Amino acid sequence: MGHWSIHIDEGEFGDIALTDLNVIILYDTPQLMFNGGWIETIYIDERANETQRQAIEGILTGRPAALGHSQPVCRERNATRYLPIHLRIRAAKNVCGLMVSSTRQSKTSGDKTE
């Protein structure tokens, strides 16, 4: 099991602003990830409006007109969830802190996730 944490400093998808939103992709994979068979859940910052949510989910799932990161490797995709996501990054120390809905915390430093 692992995750990707994404903070969008600034940007847009077409004319849809995505600046300052957070996204988490939680995945469960087989030991050899390139074999596919991933189970994935996307968590989008609850601050995103409906248009932003659709844009982000489209980008991440590879729906038409968007590029997807995991389309070929996912066996199962759970329903997207919308939660408060607080992501703090200290680039100088290569440390990232993540809190989702105050129920789960993760701290990443270099190659190690706690």
C-alpha atoms as a PDB file:
ATOM      1  CA  MET A   1       0.000   0.000   0.000  1.00  0.00           C
ATOM      2  CA  GLY A   2       1.252   3.478  -0.756  1.00  0.00           C
ATOM      3  CA  HIS A   3       0.185   6.940  -1.787  1.00  0.00           C
ATOM      4  CA  TRP A   4       1.043   9.939  -3.878  1.00  0.00           C
ATOM      5  CA  SER A   5       0.375  13.329  -2.325  1.00  0.00           C
ATOM      6  CA  ILE A   6      -0.071  16.200  -4.755  1.00  0.00           C
ATOM      7  CA  HIS A   7      -0.269  19.925  -4.063  1.00  0.00           C
ATOM      8  CA  ILE A   8      -1.097  22.124  -7.034  1.00  0.00           C
ATOM      9  CA  ASP A   9       0.807  25.368  -6.442  1.00  0.00           C
ATOM     10  CA  GLU A  10      -0.811  26.979  -9.452  1.00  0.00           C
ATOM     11  CA  GLY A  11      -2.364  25.788 -12.652  1.00  0.00           C
ATOM     12  CA  GLU A  12      -5.453  25.117 -14.629  1.00  0.00           C
ATOM     13  CA  PHE A  13      -7.032  22.471 -16.795  1.00  0.00           C
ATOM     14  CA  GLY A  14      -8.440  24.300 -19.800  1.00  0.00           C
ATOM     15  CA  ASP A  15     -10.122  27.293 -18.205  1.00  0.00           C
ATOM     16  CA  ILE A  16     -10.644  25.579 -14.814  1.00  0.00           C
ATOM     17  CA  ALA A  17      -8.368  26.962 -12.070  1.00  0.00           C
ATOM     18  CA  LEU A  18      -6.813  24.258  -9.862  1.00  0.00           C
ATOM     19  CA  THR A  19      -4.477  26.495  -7.844  1.00  0.00           C
ATOM     20  CA  ASP A  20      -3.808  25.574  -4.191  1.00  0.00           C
ATOM     21  CA  LEU A  21      -5.731  22.283  -4.194  1.00  0.00           C
ATOM     22  CA  ASN A  22      -4.505  19.000  -2.722  1.00  0.00           C
ATOM     23  CA  VAL A  23      -5.002  15.467  -4.003  1.00  0.00           C
ATOM     24  CA  ILE A  24      -4.056  12.046  -2.649  1.00  0.00           C
ATOM     25  CA  ILE A  25      -3.946   8.854  -4.658  1.00  0.00           C
ATOM     26  CA  LEU A  26      -4.023   5.844  -2.333  1.00  0.00           C
ATOM     27  CA  TYR A  27      -3.132   2.549  -3.955  1.00  0.00           C
ATOM     28  CA  ASP A  28      -2.719  -1.113  -3.143  1.00  0.00           C
ATOM     29  CA  THR A  29      -0.464  -2.936  -5.586  1.00  0.00           C
ATOM     30  CA  PRO A  30       0.974  -6.385  -6.081  1.00  0.00           C
ATOM     31  CA  GLN A  31       4.624  -6.817  -5.174  1.00  0.00           C
ATOM     32  CA  LEU A  32       5.635  -6.323  -8.812  1.00  0.00           C
ATOM     33  CA  MET A  33       3.849  -3.050  -9.544  1.00  0.00           C
ATOM     34  CA  PHE A  34       4.436  -3.156 -13.302  1.00  0.00           C
ATOM     35  CA  ASN A  35       2.269  -6.297 -13.535  1.00  0.00           C
ATOM     36  CA  GLY A  36      -0.809  -4.144 -12.973  1.00  0.00           C
ATOM     37  CA  GLY A  37      -3.717  -5.147 -10.776  1.00  0.00           C
ATOM     38  CA  TRP A  38      -3.671  -1.963  -8.701  1.00  0.00           C
ATOM     39  CA  ILE A  39      -6.593  -0.961  -6.516  1.00  0.00           C
ATOM     40  CA  GLU A  40      -6.838   2.819  -6.350  1.00  0.00           C
ATOM     41  CA  THR A  41      -8.770   5.459  -4.431  1.00  0.00           C
ATOM     42  CA  ILE A  42      -8.525   9.171  -5.227  1.00  0.00           C
ATOM     43  CA  TYR A  43      -9.058  11.739  -2.475  1.00  0.00           C
ATOM     44  CA  ILE A  44      -9.676  15.306  -3.621  1.00  0.00           C
ATOM     45  CA  ASP A  45      -9.535  18.369  -1.394  1.00  0.00           C
ATOM     46  CA  GLU A  46     -13.053  19.190  -0.214  1.00  0.00           C
ATOM     47  CA  ARG A  47     -12.357  22.859  -1.066  1.00  0.00           C
ATOM     48  CA  ALA A  48     -12.572  21.982  -4.787  1.00  0.00           C
ATOM     49  CA  ASN A  49     -15.856  22.880  -6.426  1.00  0.00           C
ATOM     50  CA  GLU A  50     -17.701  20.390  -8.648  1.00  0.00           C
ATOM     51  CA  THR A  51     -16.005  21.587 -11.848  1.00  0.00           C
ATOM     52  CA  GLN A  52     -12.547  21.345 -10.251  1.00  0.00           C
ATOM     53  CA  ARG A  53     -13.354  17.876  -8.878  1.00  0.00           C
ATOM     54  CA  GLN A  54     -14.360  16.632 -12.324  1.00  0.00           C
ATOM     55  CA  ALA A  55     -11.220  18.116 -13.895  1.00  0.00           C
ATOM     56  CA  ILE A  56      -8.857  16.569 -11.336  1.00  0.00           C
ATOM     57  CA  GLU A  57     -10.551  13.178 -11.485  1.00  0.00           C
ATOM     58  CA  GLY A  58     -10.454  13.299 -15.292  1.00  0.00           C
ATOM     59  CA  ILE A  59      -6.742  14.083 -15.291  1.00  0.00           C
ATOM     60  CA  LEU A  60      -5.967  11.231 -12.888  1.00  0.00           C
ATOM     61  CA  THR A  61      -8.203   8.575 -14.443  1.00  0.00           C
ATOM     62  CA  GLY A  62      -7.457   9.279 -18.088  1.00  0.00           C
ATOM     63  CA  ARG A  63     -11.001  10.090 -19.122  1.00  0.00           C
ATOM     64  CA  PRO A  64     -11.302  11.627 -22.594  1.00  0.00           C
ATOM     65  CA  ALA A  65      -9.474  14.939 -23.027  1.00  0.00           C
ATOM     66  CA  ALA A  66      -7.234  14.257 -20.000  1.00  0.00           C
ATOM     67  CA  LEU A  67      -4.018  12.345 -19.422  1.00  0.00           C
ATOM     68  CA  GLY A  68      -4.145   9.561 -16.826  1.00  0.00           C
ATOM     69  CA  HIS A  69      -1.281   8.292 -14.686  1.00  0.00           C
ATOM     70  CA  SER A  70      -2.532   4.819 -13.858  1.00  0.00           C
ATOM     71  CA  GLN A  71      -5.156   3.828 -16.411  1.00  0.00           C
ATOM     72  CA  PRO A  72      -3.293   0.770 -17.754  1.00  0.00           C
ATOM     73  CA  VAL A  73      -2.298  -0.642 -14.359  1.00  0.00           C
ATOM     74  CA  CYS A  74      -5.517  -0.250 -12.338  1.00  0.00           C
ATOM     75  CA  ARG A  75      -7.685  -3.320 -11.930  1.00  0.00           C
ATOM     76  CA  GLU A  76     -10.146  -1.584  -9.632  1.00  0.00           C
ATOM     77  CA  ARG A  77     -10.874   2.033  -8.849  1.00  0.00           C
ATOM     78  CA  ASN A  78     -12.877   2.899  -5.744  1.00  0.00           C
ATOM     79  CA  ALA A  79     -15.243   5.863  -5.703  1.00  0.00           C
ATOM     80  CA  THR A  80     -13.475   9.216  -5.408  1.00  0.00           C
ATOM     81  CA  ARG A  81     -13.757  10.791  -1.959  1.00  0.00           C
ATOM     82  CA  TYR A  82     -13.748  14.452  -0.944  1.00  0.00           C
ATOM     83  CA  LEU A  83     -12.100  15.290   2.377  1.00  0.00           C
ATOM     84  CA  PRO A  84     -10.165  18.079   4.068  1.00  0.00           C
ATOM     85  CA  ILE A  85      -6.535  17.541   3.069  1.00  0.00           C
ATOM     86  CA  HIS A  86      -3.729  19.508   4.720  1.00  0.00           C
ATOM     87  CA  LEU A  87      -0.368  19.137   3.037  1.00  0.00           C
ATOM     88  CA  ARG A  88       2.767  20.849   4.338  1.00  0.00           C
ATOM     89  CA  ILE A  89       5.990  20.667   2.371  1.00  0.00           C
ATOM     90  CA  ARG A  90       9.392  21.851   3.557  1.00  0.00           C
ATOM     91  CA  ALA A  91      11.495  21.532   0.432  1.00  0.00           C
ATOM     92  CA  ALA A  92      14.734  22.588   2.115  1.00  0.00           C
ATOM     93  CA  LYS A  93      14.526  19.597   4.462  1.00  0.00           C
ATOM     94  CA  ASN A  94      12.937  17.176   1.932  1.00  0.00           C
ATOM     95  CA  VAL A  95      10.063  16.580   4.374  1.00  0.00           C
ATOM     96  CA  CYS A  96       6.357  16.354   3.635  1.00  0.00           C
ATOM     97  CA  GLY A  97       3.591  16.235   6.257  1.00  0.00           C
ATOM     98  CA  LEU A  98       0.079  15.116   5.373  1.00  0.00           C
ATOM     99  CA  MET A  99      -3.168  15.105   7.338  1.00  0.00           C
ATOM    100  CA  VAL A 100      -6.466  13.898   5.920  1.00  0.00           C
ATOM    101  CA  SER A 101      -9.696  14.588   7.765  1.00  0.00           C
ATOM    102  CA  SER A 102      -7.708  14.485  11.042  1.00  0.00           C
ATOM    103  CA  THR A 103      -7.938  10.669  11.040  1.00  0.00           C
ATOM    104  CA  ARG A 104      -4.704   9.611   9.351  1.00  0.00           C
ATOM    105  CA  GLN A 105      -1.274  11.204   9.327  1.00  0.00           C
ATOM    106  CA  SER A 106       1.704  10.433   7.167  1.00  0.00           C
ATOM    107  CA  LYS A 107       5.180  11.920   7.254  1.00  0.00           C
ATOM    108  CA  THR A 108       7.615  11.358   4.410  1.00  0.00           C
ATOM    109  CA  SER A 109      11.303  12.153   4.484  1.00  0.00           C
ATOM    110  CA  GLY A 110      13.465  11.147   1.551  1.00  0.00           C
ATOM    111  CA  ASP A 111      12.675   7.503   0.758  1.00  0.00           C
ATOM    112  CA  LYS A 112      10.893   6.686   4.036  1.00  0.00           C
ATOM    113  CA  THR A 113       7.161   6.964   4.807  1.00  0.00           C
ATOM    114  CA  GLU A 114       5.865   6.631   8.359  1.00  0.00           C
END
